[in-house]
Amino acid sequence: NGTEGDLVITAPIGHLQLSPVTLEGGRGTSTGLAPL
């Protein structure tokens, strides 16, 4: 979380090193997240 936007990484399990990950973000006037 930052002053201009947010990045979110999610995964189906808590092992970041071996799990498929999803990256989303939103910034500026955006009020939600979008896939990156």
PDB file of all heavy atoms in Angstrom:
ATOM      1  N   ASN A   1       0.840  -1.193   0.000  1.00  0.00           N
ATOM      2  CA  ASN A   1       0.000   0.000   0.000  1.00  0.00           C
ATOM      3  C   ASN A   1       0.877   1.245   0.000  1.00  0.00           C
ATOM      4  O   ASN A   1       1.786   1.376   0.811  1.00  0.00           O
ATOM      5  CB  ASN A   1      -0.915   0.021   1.223  1.00  0.00           C
ATOM      6  CG  ASN A   1      -1.660  -1.296   1.409  1.00  0.00           C
ATOM      7  OD1 ASN A   1      -1.475  -1.976   2.400  1.00  0.00           O
ATOM      8  ND2 ASN A   1      -2.470  -1.671   0.430  1.00  0.00           N
ATOM      9  N   GLY A   2       0.589   2.172  -0.928  1.00  0.00           N
ATOM     10  CA  GLY A   2       1.381   3.383  -1.034  1.00  0.00           C
ATOM     11  C   GLY A   2       0.536   4.631  -1.165  1.00  0.00           C
ATOM     12  O   GLY A   2      -0.700   4.577  -1.160  1.00  0.00           O
ATOM     13  N   THR A   3       1.198   5.760  -1.301  1.00  0.00           N
ATOM     14  CA  THR A   3       0.503   7.038  -1.379  1.00  0.00           C
ATOM     15  C   THR A   3      -0.256   7.214  -2.686  1.00  0.00           C
ATOM     16  O   THR A   3      -1.196   8.011  -2.754  1.00  0.00           O
ATOM     17  CB  THR A   3       1.508   8.195  -1.230  1.00  0.00           C
ATOM     18  OG1 THR A   3       2.527   8.049  -2.237  1.00  0.00           O
ATOM     19  CG2 THR A   3       2.135   8.200   0.150  1.00  0.00           C
ATOM     20  N   GLU A   4       0.133   6.476  -3.732  1.00  0.00           N
ATOM     21  CA  GLU A   4      -0.491   6.645  -5.037  1.00  0.00           C
ATOM     22  C   GLU A   4      -1.243   5.417  -5.530  1.00  0.00           C
ATOM     23  O   GLU A   4      -1.986   5.500  -6.507  1.00  0.00           O
ATOM     24  CB  GLU A   4       0.577   7.012  -6.079  1.00  0.00           C
ATOM     25  CG  GLU A   4       1.360   8.271  -5.758  1.00  0.00           C
ATOM     26  CD  GLU A   4       0.483   9.505  -5.751  1.00  0.00           C
ATOM     27  OE1 GLU A   4      -0.514   9.527  -6.503  1.00  0.00           O
ATOM     28  OE2 GLU A   4       0.786  10.446  -4.991  1.00  0.00           O
ATOM     29  N   GLY A   5      -1.038   4.271  -4.877  1.00  0.00           N
ATOM     30  CA  GLY A   5      -1.691   3.070  -5.375  1.00  0.00           C
ATOM     31  C   GLY A   5      -1.423   1.858  -4.504  1.00  0.00           C
ATOM     32  O   GLY A   5      -0.787   1.945  -3.439  1.00  0.00           O
ATOM     33  N   ASP A   6      -1.920   0.714  -4.974  1.00  0.00           N
ATOM     34  CA  ASP A   6      -1.795  -0.544  -4.241  1.00  0.00           C
ATOM     35  C   ASP A   6      -1.439  -1.665  -5.212  1.00  0.00           C
ATOM     36  O   ASP A   6      -1.906  -1.690  -6.361  1.00  0.00           O
ATOM     37  CB  ASP A   6      -3.107  -0.911  -3.541  1.00  0.00           C
ATOM     38  CG  ASP A   6      -3.610   0.189  -2.628  1.00  0.00           C
ATOM     39  OD1 ASP A   6      -3.057   0.327  -1.526  1.00  0.00           O
ATOM     40  OD2 ASP A   6      -4.553   0.903  -3.026  1.00  0.00           O
ATOM     41  N   LEU A   7      -0.652  -2.608  -4.722  1.00  0.00           N
ATOM     42  CA  LEU A   7      -0.384  -3.857  -5.426  1.00  0.00           C
ATOM     43  C   LEU A   7      -0.814  -5.002  -4.518  1.00  0.00           C
ATOM     44  O   LEU A   7      -0.597  -4.948  -3.303  1.00  0.00           O
ATOM     45  CB  LEU A   7       1.100  -4.004  -5.764  1.00  0.00           C
ATOM     46  CG  LEU A   7       1.660  -3.095  -6.857  1.00  0.00           C
ATOM     47  CD1 LEU A   7       3.179  -3.235  -6.911  1.00  0.00           C
ATOM     48  CD2 LEU A   7       1.046  -3.441  -8.217  1.00  0.00           C
ATOM     49  N   VAL A   8      -1.414  -6.033  -5.111  1.00  0.00           N
ATOM     50  CA  VAL A   8      -1.865  -7.184  -4.338  1.00  0.00           C
ATOM     51  C   VAL A   8      -1.443  -8.452  -5.066  1.00  0.00           C
ATOM     52  O   VAL A   8      -1.713  -8.613  -6.267  1.00  0.00           O
ATOM     53  CB  VAL A   8      -3.392  -7.177  -4.134  1.00  0.00           C
ATOM     54  CG1 VAL A   8      -3.834  -8.436  -3.399  1.00  0.00           C
ATOM     55  CG2 VAL A   8      -3.822  -5.935  -3.357  1.00  0.00           C
ATOM     56  N   ILE A   9      -0.782  -9.342  -4.332  1.00  0.00           N
ATOM     57  CA  ILE A   9      -0.408 -10.652  -4.863  1.00  0.00           C
ATOM     58  C   ILE A   9      -1.163 -11.700  -4.064  1.00  0.00           C
ATOM     59  O   ILE A   9      -1.113 -11.717  -2.833  1.00  0.00           O
ATOM     60  CB  ILE A   9       1.109 -10.883  -4.753  1.00  0.00           C
ATOM     61  CG1 ILE A   9       1.855  -9.891  -5.637  1.00  0.00           C
ATOM     62  CG2 ILE A   9       1.476 -12.313  -5.152  1.00  0.00           C
ATOM     63  CD1 ILE A   9       3.367  -9.957  -5.497  1.00  0.00           C
ATOM     64  N   THR A  10      -1.873 -12.580  -4.763  1.00  0.00           N
ATOM     65  CA  THR A  10      -2.615 -13.650  -4.109  1.00  0.00           C
ATOM     66  C   THR A  10      -2.212 -14.995  -4.691  1.00  0.00           C
ATOM     67  O   THR A  10      -1.671 -15.076  -5.801  1.00  0.00           O
ATOM     68  CB  THR A  10      -4.135 -13.464  -4.269  1.00  0.00           C
ATOM     69  OG1 THR A  10      -4.453 -13.335  -5.670  1.00  0.00           O
ATOM     70  CG2 THR A  10      -4.625 -12.227  -3.532  1.00  0.00           C
ATOM     71  N   ALA A  11      -2.494 -16.054  -3.931  1.00  0.00           N
ATOM     72  CA  ALA A  11      -2.171 -17.405  -4.364  1.00  0.00           C
ATOM     73  C   ALA A  11      -3.084 -18.382  -3.632  1.00  0.00           C
ATOM     74  O   ALA A  11      -3.592 -18.075  -2.553  1.00  0.00           O
ATOM     75  CB  ALA A  11      -0.704 -17.736  -4.080  1.00  0.00           C
ATOM     76  N   PRO A  12      -3.300 -19.571  -4.184  1.00  0.00           N
ATOM     77  CA  PRO A  12      -4.201 -20.538  -3.540  1.00  0.00           C
ATOM     78  C   PRO A  12      -3.624 -21.175  -2.286  1.00  0.00           C
ATOM     79  O   PRO A  12      -4.362 -21.712  -1.470  1.00  0.00           O
ATOM     80  CB  PRO A  12      -4.432 -21.587  -4.638  1.00  0.00           C
ATOM     81  CG  PRO A  12      -3.256 -21.463  -5.543  1.00  0.00           C
ATOM     82  CD  PRO A  12      -2.876 -20.017  -5.524  1.00  0.00           C
ATOM     83  N   ILE A  13      -2.293 -21.150  -2.125  1.00  0.00           N
ATOM     84  CA  ILE A  13      -1.661 -21.656  -0.917  1.00  0.00           C
ATOM     85  C   ILE A  13      -0.598 -20.658  -0.470  1.00  0.00           C
ATOM     86  O   ILE A  13      -0.215 -19.772  -1.227  1.00  0.00           O
ATOM     87  CB  ILE A  13      -1.023 -23.046  -1.126  1.00  0.00           C
ATOM     88  CG1 ILE A  13       0.026 -22.997  -2.258  1.00  0.00           C
ATOM     89  CG2 ILE A  13      -2.082 -24.091  -1.414  1.00  0.00           C
ATOM     90  CD1 ILE A  13       0.769 -24.299  -2.437  1.00  0.00           C
ATOM     91  N   GLY A  14      -0.122 -20.819   0.755  1.00  0.00           N
ATOM     92  CA  GLY A  14       0.782 -19.836   1.315  1.00  0.00           C
ATOM     93  C   GLY A  14       2.237 -20.005   0.969  1.00  0.00           C
ATOM     94  O   GLY A  14       3.079 -19.288   1.515  1.00  0.00           O
ATOM     95  N   HIS A  15       2.560 -20.926   0.081  1.00  0.00           N
ATOM     96  CA  HIS A  15       3.943 -21.148  -0.329  1.00  0.00           C
ATOM     97  C   HIS A  15       4.212 -20.345  -1.592  1.00  0.00           C
ATOM     98  O   HIS A  15       4.044 -20.831  -2.715  1.00  0.00           O
ATOM     99  CB  HIS A  15       4.204 -22.643  -0.545  1.00  0.00           C
ATOM    100  CG  HIS A  15       4.150 -23.447   0.710  1.00  0.00           C
ATOM    101  ND1 HIS A  15       5.280 -23.933   1.323  1.00  0.00           N
ATOM    102  CD2 HIS A  15       3.105 -23.819   1.484  1.00  0.00           C
ATOM    103  CE1 HIS A  15       4.929 -24.595   2.423  1.00  0.00           C
ATOM    104  NE2 HIS A  15       3.612 -24.540   2.539  1.00  0.00           N
ATOM    105  N   LEU A  16       4.673 -19.124  -1.412  1.00  0.00           N
ATOM    106  CA  LEU A  16       4.903 -18.228  -2.539  1.00  0.00           C
ATOM    107  C   LEU A  16       5.883 -18.813  -3.535  1.00  0.00           C
ATOM    108  O   LEU A  16       5.806 -18.537  -4.738  1.00  0.00           O
ATOM    109  CB  LEU A  16       5.414 -16.883  -2.011  1.00  0.00           C
ATOM    110  CG  LEU A  16       5.671 -15.769  -3.025  1.00  0.00           C
ATOM    111  CD1 LEU A  16       4.398 -15.391  -3.764  1.00  0.00           C
ATOM    112  CD2 LEU A  16       6.263 -14.551  -2.318  1.00  0.00           C
ATOM    113  N   GLN A  17       6.808 -19.640  -3.062  1.00  0.00           N
ATOM    114  CA  GLN A  17       7.867 -20.178  -3.903  1.00  0.00           C
ATOM    115  C   GLN A  17       7.396 -21.251  -4.880  1.00  0.00           C
ATOM    116  O   GLN A  17       8.095 -21.571  -5.834  1.00  0.00           O
ATOM    117  CB  GLN A  17       8.997 -20.754  -3.026  1.00  0.00           C
ATOM    118  CG  GLN A  17       8.699 -22.092  -2.359  1.00  0.00           C
ATOM    119  CD  GLN A  17       7.849 -21.996  -1.111  1.00  0.00           C
ATOM    120  OE1 GLN A  17       7.311 -20.938  -0.792  1.00  0.00           O
ATOM    121  NE2 GLN A  17       7.732 -23.078  -0.381  1.00  0.00           N
ATOM    122  N   LEU A  18       6.224 -21.824  -4.661  1.00  0.00           N
ATOM    123  CA  LEU A  18       5.788 -22.918  -5.533  1.00  0.00           C
ATOM    124  C   LEU A  18       4.339 -22.807  -5.983  1.00  0.00           C
ATOM    125  O   LEU A  18       3.826 -23.687  -6.680  1.00  0.00           O
ATOM    126  CB  LEU A  18       6.008 -24.269  -4.839  1.00  0.00           C
ATOM    127  CG  LEU A  18       5.318 -24.518  -3.497  1.00  0.00           C
ATOM    128  CD1 LEU A  18       3.889 -24.989  -3.669  1.00  0.00           C
ATOM    129  CD2 LEU A  18       6.111 -25.549  -2.693  1.00  0.00           C
ATOM    130  N   SER A  19       3.695 -21.708  -5.633  1.00  0.00           N
ATOM    131  CA  SER A  19       2.275 -21.553  -5.939  1.00  0.00           C
ATOM    132  C   SER A  19       2.062 -20.677  -7.167  1.00  0.00           C
ATOM    133  O   SER A  19       2.846 -19.763  -7.424  1.00  0.00           O
ATOM    134  CB  SER A  19       1.559 -20.909  -4.755  1.00  0.00           C
ATOM    135  OG  SER A  19       0.182 -20.762  -5.010  1.00  0.00           O
ATOM    136  N   PRO A  20       1.011 -20.942  -7.948  1.00  0.00           N
ATOM    137  CA  PRO A  20       0.650 -19.980  -8.993  1.00  0.00           C
ATOM    138  C   PRO A  20       0.193 -18.682  -8.348  1.00  0.00           C
ATOM    139  O   PRO A  20      -0.580 -18.699  -7.384  1.00  0.00           O
ATOM    140  CB  PRO A  20      -0.505 -20.672  -9.735  1.00  0.00           C
ATOM    141  CG  PRO A  20      -1.057 -21.658  -8.776  1.00  0.00           C
ATOM    142  CD  PRO A  20       0.091 -22.099  -7.912  1.00  0.00           C
ATOM    143  N   VAL A  21       0.695 -17.555  -8.828  1.00  0.00           N
ATOM    144  CA  VAL A  21       0.379 -16.269  -8.201  1.00  0.00           C
ATOM    145  C   VAL A  21      -0.388 -15.374  -9.163  1.00  0.00           C
ATOM    146  O   VAL A  21      -0.247 -15.481 -10.380  1.00  0.00           O
ATOM    147  CB  VAL A  21       1.649 -15.544  -7.719  1.00  0.00           C
ATOM    148  CG1 VAL A  21       2.388 -16.389  -6.702  1.00  0.00           C
ATOM    149  CG2 VAL A  21       2.559 -15.203  -8.874  1.00  0.00           C
ATOM    150  N   THR A  22      -1.194 -14.504  -8.585  1.00  0.00           N
ATOM    151  CA  THR A  22      -1.959 -13.517  -9.336  1.00  0.00           C
ATOM    152  C   THR A  22      -1.543 -12.128  -8.862  1.00  0.00           C
ATOM    153  O   THR A  22      -1.517 -11.865  -7.654  1.00  0.00           O
ATOM    154  CB  THR A  22      -3.470 -13.710  -9.113  1.00  0.00           C
ATOM    155  OG1 THR A  22      -3.849 -15.007  -9.583  1.00  0.00           O
ATOM    156  CG2 THR A  22      -4.264 -12.658  -9.879  1.00  0.00           C
ATOM    157  N   LEU A  23      -1.234 -11.250  -9.808  1.00  0.00           N
ATOM    158  CA  LEU A  23      -0.822  -9.890  -9.488  1.00  0.00           C
ATOM    159  C   LEU A  23      -1.907  -8.921  -9.932  1.00  0.00           C
ATOM    160  O   LEU A  23      -2.362  -8.953 -11.086  1.00  0.00           O
ATOM    161  CB  LEU A  23       0.499  -9.563 -10.188  1.00  0.00           C
ATOM    162  CG  LEU A  23       1.039  -8.129 -10.027  1.00  0.00           C
ATOM    163  CD1 LEU A  23       1.352  -7.831  -8.571  1.00  0.00           C
ATOM    164  CD2 LEU A  23       2.279  -7.946 -10.901  1.00  0.00           C
ATOM    165  N   GLU A  24      -2.346  -8.070  -9.010  1.00  0.00           N
ATOM    166  CA  GLU A  24      -3.353  -7.049  -9.306  1.00  0.00           C
ATOM    167  C   GLU A  24      -2.861  -5.701  -8.788  1.00  0.00           C
ATOM    168  O   GLU A  24      -2.013  -5.634  -7.896  1.00  0.00           O
ATOM    169  CB  GLU A  24      -4.691  -7.402  -8.660  1.00  0.00           C
ATOM    170  CG  GLU A  24      -5.309  -8.700  -9.153  1.00  0.00           C
ATOM    171  CD  GLU A  24      -6.578  -9.021  -8.388  1.00  0.00           C
ATOM    172  OE1 GLU A  24      -6.472  -9.288  -7.171  1.00  0.00           O
ATOM    173  OE2 GLU A  24      -7.674  -8.991  -8.998  1.00  0.00           O
ATOM    174  N   GLY A  25      -3.440  -4.634  -9.347  1.00  0.00           N
ATOM    175  CA  GLY A  25      -3.051  -3.316  -8.888  1.00  0.00           C
ATOM    176  C   GLY A  25      -4.107  -2.274  -9.185  1.00  0.00           C
ATOM    177  O   GLY A  25      -5.026  -2.482  -9.984  1.00  0.00           O
ATOM    178  N   GLY A  26      -3.976  -1.152  -8.514  1.00  0.00           N
ATOM    179  CA  GLY A  26      -4.842  -0.010  -8.755  1.00  0.00           C
ATOM    180  C   GLY A  26      -4.128   1.244  -8.278  1.00  0.00           C
ATOM    181  O   GLY A  26      -3.388   1.201  -7.295  1.00  0.00           O
ATOM    182  N   ARG A  27      -4.338   2.328  -8.988  1.00  0.00           N
ATOM    183  CA  ARG A  27      -3.649   3.564  -8.596  1.00  0.00           C
ATOM    184  C   ARG A  27      -4.437   4.773  -9.069  1.00  0.00           C
ATOM    185  O   ARG A  27      -5.395   4.653  -9.842  1.00  0.00           O
ATOM    186  CB  ARG A  27      -2.232   3.594  -9.159  1.00  0.00           C
ATOM    187  CG  ARG A  27      -2.152   3.643 -10.670  1.00  0.00           C
ATOM    188  CD  ARG A  27      -0.719   3.362 -11.168  1.00  0.00           C
ATOM    189  NE  ARG A  27       0.274   4.221 -10.560  1.00  0.00           N
ATOM    190  CZ  ARG A  27       0.712   5.357 -11.099  1.00  0.00           C
ATOM    191  NH1 ARG A  27       0.219   5.776 -12.266  1.00  0.00           N
ATOM    192  NH2 ARG A  27       1.622   6.079 -10.496  1.00  0.00           N
ATOM    193  N   GLY A  28      -4.034   5.951  -8.589  1.00  0.00           N
ATOM    194  CA  GLY A  28      -4.665   7.187  -9.028  1.00  0.00           C
ATOM    195  C   GLY A  28      -6.130   7.241  -8.637  1.00  0.00           C
ATOM    196  O   GLY A  28      -6.503   6.999  -7.491  1.00  0.00           O
ATOM    197  N   THR A  29      -6.984   7.512  -9.604  1.00  0.00           N
ATOM    198  CA  THR A  29      -8.416   7.652  -9.342  1.00  0.00           C
ATOM    199  C   THR A  29      -9.159   6.328  -9.315  1.00  0.00           C
ATOM    200  O   THR A  29     -10.350   6.285  -9.008  1.00  0.00           O
ATOM    201  CB  THR A  29      -9.060   8.558 -10.412  1.00  0.00           C
ATOM    202  OG1 THR A  29      -8.848   7.969 -11.707  1.00  0.00           O
ATOM    203  CG2 THR A  29      -8.452   9.956 -10.368  1.00  0.00           C
ATOM    204  N   SER A  30      -8.476   5.223  -9.633  1.00  0.00           N
ATOM    205  CA  SER A  30      -9.110   3.907  -9.611  1.00  0.00           C
ATOM    206  C   SER A  30      -9.558   3.559  -8.199  1.00  0.00           C
ATOM    207  O   SER A  30      -8.831   3.782  -7.227  1.00  0.00           O
ATOM    208  CB  SER A  30      -8.136   2.842 -10.121  1.00  0.00           C
ATOM    209  OG  SER A  30      -8.660   1.549  -9.917  1.00  0.00           O
ATOM    210  N   THR A  31     -10.762   3.002  -8.071  1.00  0.00           N
ATOM    211  CA  THR A  31     -11.275   2.633  -6.758  1.00  0.00           C
ATOM    212  C   THR A  31     -11.212   1.134  -6.501  1.00  0.00           C
ATOM    213  O   THR A  31     -11.673   0.653  -5.467  1.00  0.00           O
ATOM    214  CB  THR A  31     -12.737   3.095  -6.613  1.00  0.00           C
ATOM    215  OG1 THR A  31     -13.522   2.497  -7.657  1.00  0.00           O
ATOM    216  CG2 THR A  31     -12.837   4.611  -6.682  1.00  0.00           C
ATOM    217  N   GLY A  32     -10.659   0.390  -7.437  1.00  0.00           N
ATOM    218  CA  GLY A  32     -10.571  -1.061  -7.275  1.00  0.00           C
ATOM    219  C   GLY A  32      -9.277  -1.596  -7.860  1.00  0.00           C
ATOM    220  O   GLY A  32      -8.409  -0.842  -8.318  1.00  0.00           O
ATOM    221  N   LEU A  33      -9.156  -2.920  -7.845  1.00  0.00           N
ATOM    222  CA  LEU A  33      -7.988  -3.591  -8.390  1.00  0.00           C
ATOM    223  C   LEU A  33      -8.293  -4.146  -9.771  1.00  0.00           C
ATOM    224  O   LEU A  33      -9.431  -4.511 -10.068  1.00  0.00           O
ATOM    225  CB  LEU A  33      -7.568  -4.751  -7.471  1.00  0.00           C
ATOM    226  CG  LEU A  33      -7.139  -4.390  -6.052  1.00  0.00           C
ATOM    227  CD1 LEU A  33      -6.983  -5.664  -5.214  1.00  0.00           C
ATOM    228  CD2 LEU A  33      -5.828  -3.614  -6.071  1.00  0.00           C
ATOM    229  N   ALA A  34      -7.277  -4.231 -10.591  1.00  0.00           N
ATOM    230  CA  ALA A  34      -7.393  -4.830 -11.917  1.00  0.00           C
ATOM    231  C   ALA A  34      -6.202  -5.759 -12.132  1.00  0.00           C
ATOM    232  O   ALA A  34      -5.109  -5.515 -11.611  1.00  0.00           O
ATOM    233  CB  ALA A  34      -7.415  -3.750 -13.000  1.00  0.00           C
ATOM    234  N   PRO A  35      -6.391  -6.847 -12.886  1.00  0.00           N
ATOM    235  CA  PRO A  35      -5.271  -7.762 -13.140  1.00  0.00           C
ATOM    236  C   PRO A  35      -4.123  -7.047 -13.851  1.00  0.00           C
ATOM    237  O   PRO A  35      -4.346  -6.201 -14.724  1.00  0.00           O
ATOM    238  CB  PRO A  35      -5.894  -8.836 -14.042  1.00  0.00           C
ATOM    239  CG  PRO A  35      -7.368  -8.760 -13.780  1.00  0.00           C
ATOM    240  CD  PRO A  35      -7.654  -7.319 -13.503  1.00  0.00           C
ATOM    241  N   LEU A  36      -2.913  -7.370 -13.468  1.00  0.00           N
ATOM    242  CA  LEU A  36      -1.716  -6.847 -14.110  1.00  0.00           C
ATOM    243  C   LEU A  36      -0.994  -8.005 -14.781  1.00  0.00           C
ATOM    244  O   LEU A  36      -0.571  -8.952 -14.117  1.00  0.00           O
ATOM    245  CB  LEU A  36      -0.795  -6.173 -13.088  1.00  0.00           C
ATOM    246  CG  LEU A  36      -1.350  -4.931 -12.399  1.00  0.00           C
ATOM    247  CD1 LEU A  36      -0.365  -4.430 -11.339  1.00  0.00           C
ATOM    248  CD2 LEU A  36      -1.635  -3.827 -13.413  1.00  0.00           C
TER     249      LEU A  36
END
